[in-house]
Amino acid sequence: MSGMKQAHYWERQEDRWHQQYLLAERLCDTLEQRIYELEQIIIQADTYPMSAELRQHLKKALGGNHAG
């Protein structure tokens, strides 16, 4: 492969990797936002009357990071 062809190949590869990186970043941002929204819904749901078992499941879904 000539030097020019190699340079074009690596330039295309770099651009492809950068586009994949940007796509992954957008996906992570979307997932983080969705997780935050779900956490807020669970916190709000915890204020409603419910069985102790269901309340325990909600708290477990939030993990140990939230005060209840």
N, C-alpha and C. Protein backbone atom coordinates (compact mmCIF):
# COMPACT_ATOMS: atom_id res chain seq x y z
N MET A 1 0.87 -1.18 0.00
CA MET A 1 0.00 0.00 0.00
C MET A 1 0.91 1.23 0.00
N SER A 2 0.63 2.15 -0.89
CA SER A 2 1.46 3.34 -0.96
C SER A 2 1.24 4.21 0.28
N GLY A 3 2.16 5.11 0.51
CA GLY A 3 2.07 5.99 1.67
C GLY A 3 0.80 6.84 1.65
N MET A 4 0.41 7.30 0.46
CA MET A 4 -0.79 8.14 0.35
C MET A 4 -2.04 7.32 0.66
N LYS A 5 -2.08 6.08 0.13
CA LYS A 5 -3.23 5.22 0.40
C LYS A 5 -3.33 4.89 1.88
N GLN A 6 -2.18 4.64 2.50
CA GLN A 6 -2.17 4.35 3.93
C GLN A 6 -2.68 5.55 4.73
N ALA A 7 -2.24 6.73 4.34
CA ALA A 7 -2.67 7.94 5.05
C ALA A 7 -4.18 8.12 4.94
N HIS A 8 -4.73 7.88 3.74
CA HIS A 8 -6.18 8.00 3.57
C HIS A 8 -6.92 6.92 4.35
N TYR A 9 -6.35 5.71 4.35
CA TYR A 9 -6.96 4.61 5.10
C TYR A 9 -7.04 4.96 6.58
N TRP A 10 -5.93 5.41 7.15
CA TRP A 10 -5.92 5.71 8.59
C TRP A 10 -6.78 6.93 8.91
N GLU A 11 -6.85 7.86 7.99
CA GLU A 11 -7.72 9.01 8.20
C GLU A 11 -9.19 8.58 8.26
N ARG A 12 -9.57 7.68 7.35
CA ARG A 12 -10.95 7.15 7.37
C ARG A 12 -11.20 6.35 8.65
N GLN A 13 -10.21 5.54 9.03
CA GLN A 13 -10.36 4.74 10.25
C GLN A 13 -10.52 5.65 11.46
N GLU A 14 -9.70 6.68 11.54
CA GLU A 14 -9.77 7.61 12.67
C GLU A 14 -11.13 8.30 12.71
N ASP A 15 -11.62 8.71 11.55
CA ASP A 15 -12.94 9.34 11.49
C ASP A 15 -14.02 8.36 11.92
N ARG A 16 -13.93 7.11 11.47
CA ARG A 16 -14.90 6.09 11.85
C ARG A 16 -14.88 5.86 13.36
N TRP A 17 -13.69 5.76 13.94
CA TRP A 17 -13.56 5.54 15.39
C TRP A 17 -14.12 6.74 16.16
N HIS A 18 -13.86 7.94 15.63
CA HIS A 18 -14.38 9.14 16.29
C HIS A 18 -15.92 9.15 16.25
N GLN A 19 -16.50 8.79 15.12
CA GLN A 19 -17.96 8.74 15.02
C GLN A 19 -18.55 7.69 15.96
N GLN A 20 -17.88 6.54 16.07
CA GLN A 20 -18.33 5.50 17.01
C GLN A 20 -18.23 5.99 18.44
N TYR A 21 -17.16 6.70 18.75
CA TYR A 21 -16.99 7.27 20.09
C TYR A 21 -18.13 8.26 20.39
N LEU A 22 -18.43 9.14 19.45
CA LEU A 22 -19.51 10.11 19.66
C LEU A 22 -20.86 9.40 19.86
N LEU A 23 -21.10 8.35 19.09
CA LEU A 23 -22.33 7.58 19.24
C LEU A 23 -22.39 6.94 20.62
N ALA A 24 -21.29 6.38 21.08
CA ALA A 24 -21.24 5.77 22.41
C ALA A 24 -21.48 6.83 23.50
N GLU A 25 -20.89 8.00 23.33
CA GLU A 25 -21.10 9.10 24.29
C GLU A 25 -22.58 9.49 24.36
N ARG A 26 -23.22 9.61 23.21
CA ARG A 26 -24.65 9.98 23.18
C ARG A 26 -25.48 8.88 23.84
N LEU A 27 -25.14 7.64 23.58
CA LEU A 27 -25.86 6.53 24.20
C LEU A 27 -25.70 6.56 25.72
N CYS A 28 -24.48 6.79 26.19
CA CYS A 28 -24.25 6.88 27.64
C CYS A 28 -25.04 8.03 28.25
N ASP A 29 -25.03 9.18 27.60
CA ASP A 29 -25.79 10.33 28.10
C ASP A 29 -27.28 10.01 28.18
N THR A 30 -27.81 9.35 27.15
CA THR A 30 -29.22 8.98 27.13
C THR A 30 -29.54 7.99 28.25
N LEU A 31 -28.67 7.00 28.44
CA LEU A 31 -28.89 6.01 29.50
C LEU A 31 -28.80 6.65 30.89
N GLU A 32 -27.84 7.55 31.09
CA GLU A 32 -27.72 8.24 32.37
C GLU A 32 -28.97 9.06 32.66
N GLN A 33 -29.49 9.75 31.66
CA GLN A 33 -30.70 10.54 31.85
C GLN A 33 -31.89 9.65 32.18
N ARG A 34 -32.00 8.54 31.49
CA ARG A 34 -33.12 7.61 31.72
C ARG A 34 -33.03 7.01 33.12
N ILE A 35 -31.84 6.64 33.55
CA ILE A 35 -31.66 6.10 34.89
C ILE A 35 -32.06 7.14 35.93
N TYR A 36 -31.65 8.38 35.74
CA TYR A 36 -32.01 9.45 36.67
C TYR A 36 -33.54 9.60 36.74
N GLU A 37 -34.19 9.60 35.59
CA GLU A 37 -35.65 9.72 35.56
C GLU A 37 -36.31 8.55 36.29
N LEU A 38 -35.81 7.34 36.08
CA LEU A 38 -36.37 6.17 36.77
C LEU A 38 -36.16 6.26 38.27
N GLU A 39 -34.99 6.73 38.70
CA GLU A 39 -34.73 6.91 40.13
C GLU A 39 -35.72 7.91 40.74
N GLN A 40 -35.98 8.98 40.02
CA GLN A 40 -36.91 9.99 40.53
C GLN A 40 -38.33 9.42 40.63
N ILE A 41 -38.73 8.61 39.67
CA ILE A 41 -40.05 7.99 39.71
C ILE A 41 -40.15 7.03 40.89
N ILE A 42 -39.09 6.26 41.13
CA ILE A 42 -39.10 5.32 42.26
C ILE A 42 -39.16 6.08 43.57
N ILE A 43 -38.39 7.15 43.70
CA ILE A 43 -38.42 7.96 44.92
C ILE A 43 -39.82 8.52 45.15
N GLN A 44 -40.45 9.02 44.10
CA GLN A 44 -41.80 9.55 44.21
C GLN A 44 -42.79 8.44 44.57
N ALA A 45 -42.65 7.29 43.95
CA ALA A 45 -43.56 6.17 44.23
C ALA A 45 -43.47 5.72 45.68
N ASP A 46 -42.29 5.88 46.28
CA ASP A 46 -42.08 5.47 47.67
C ASP A 46 -42.94 6.27 48.64
N THR A 47 -43.48 7.40 48.19
CA THR A 47 -44.32 8.22 49.08
C THR A 47 -45.76 7.73 49.12
N TYR A 48 -46.13 6.82 48.24
CA TYR A 48 -47.50 6.32 48.19
C TYR A 48 -47.66 5.09 49.08
N PRO A 49 -48.89 4.86 49.57
CA PRO A 49 -49.12 3.65 50.36
C PRO A 49 -48.88 2.40 49.51
N MET A 50 -48.18 1.44 50.10
CA MET A 50 -47.90 0.18 49.40
C MET A 50 -47.47 -0.86 50.43
N SER A 51 -47.46 -2.09 50.00
CA SER A 51 -47.05 -3.16 50.91
C SER A 51 -45.56 -3.00 51.25
N ALA A 52 -45.19 -3.55 52.40
CA ALA A 52 -43.79 -3.49 52.83
C ALA A 52 -42.90 -4.21 51.83
N GLU A 53 -43.40 -5.30 51.26
CA GLU A 53 -42.61 -6.06 50.29
C GLU A 53 -42.32 -5.22 49.04
N LEU A 54 -43.34 -4.53 48.54
CA LEU A 54 -43.14 -3.68 47.36
C LEU A 54 -42.19 -2.53 47.68
N ARG A 55 -42.36 -1.93 48.85
CA ARG A 55 -41.48 -0.83 49.26
C ARG A 55 -40.02 -1.32 49.31
N GLN A 56 -39.83 -2.53 49.83
CA GLN A 56 -38.49 -3.11 49.92
C GLN A 56 -37.91 -3.31 48.51
N HIS A 57 -38.73 -3.75 47.58
CA HIS A 57 -38.27 -3.93 46.19
C HIS A 57 -37.87 -2.59 45.57
N LEU A 58 -38.65 -1.55 45.85
CA LEU A 58 -38.32 -0.22 45.32
C LEU A 58 -36.98 0.25 45.87
N LYS A 59 -36.79 0.10 47.17
CA LYS A 59 -35.54 0.54 47.79
C LYS A 59 -34.36 -0.28 47.26
N LYS A 60 -34.58 -1.56 47.02
CA LYS A 60 -33.53 -2.41 46.48
C LYS A 60 -33.18 -1.94 45.05
N ALA A 61 -34.19 -1.55 44.28
CA ALA A 61 -33.94 -1.08 42.92
C ALA A 61 -33.09 0.18 42.91
N LEU A 62 -33.22 1.01 43.94
CA LEU A 62 -32.41 2.22 44.03
C LEU A 62 -31.00 1.94 44.52
N GLY A 63 -30.81 0.80 45.14
CA GLY A 63 -29.49 0.49 45.70
C GLY A 63 -29.36 1.13 47.07
N GLY A 64 -28.21 1.11 47.63
CA GLY A 64 -28.00 1.62 48.98
C GLY A 64 -27.66 3.08 49.04
N ASN A 65 -27.75 3.81 47.93
CA ASN A 65 -27.28 5.18 47.89
C ASN A 65 -28.34 6.23 48.24
N HIS A 66 -29.56 5.81 48.47
CA HIS A 66 -30.63 6.77 48.69
C HIS A 66 -31.24 6.57 50.06
N ALA A 67 -31.48 7.67 50.75
CA ALA A 67 -32.15 7.60 52.05
C ALA A 67 -33.63 7.45 51.82
N GLY A 68 -34.28 6.71 52.69
CA GLY A 68 -35.70 6.48 52.47
C GLY A 68 -36.56 6.90 53.58
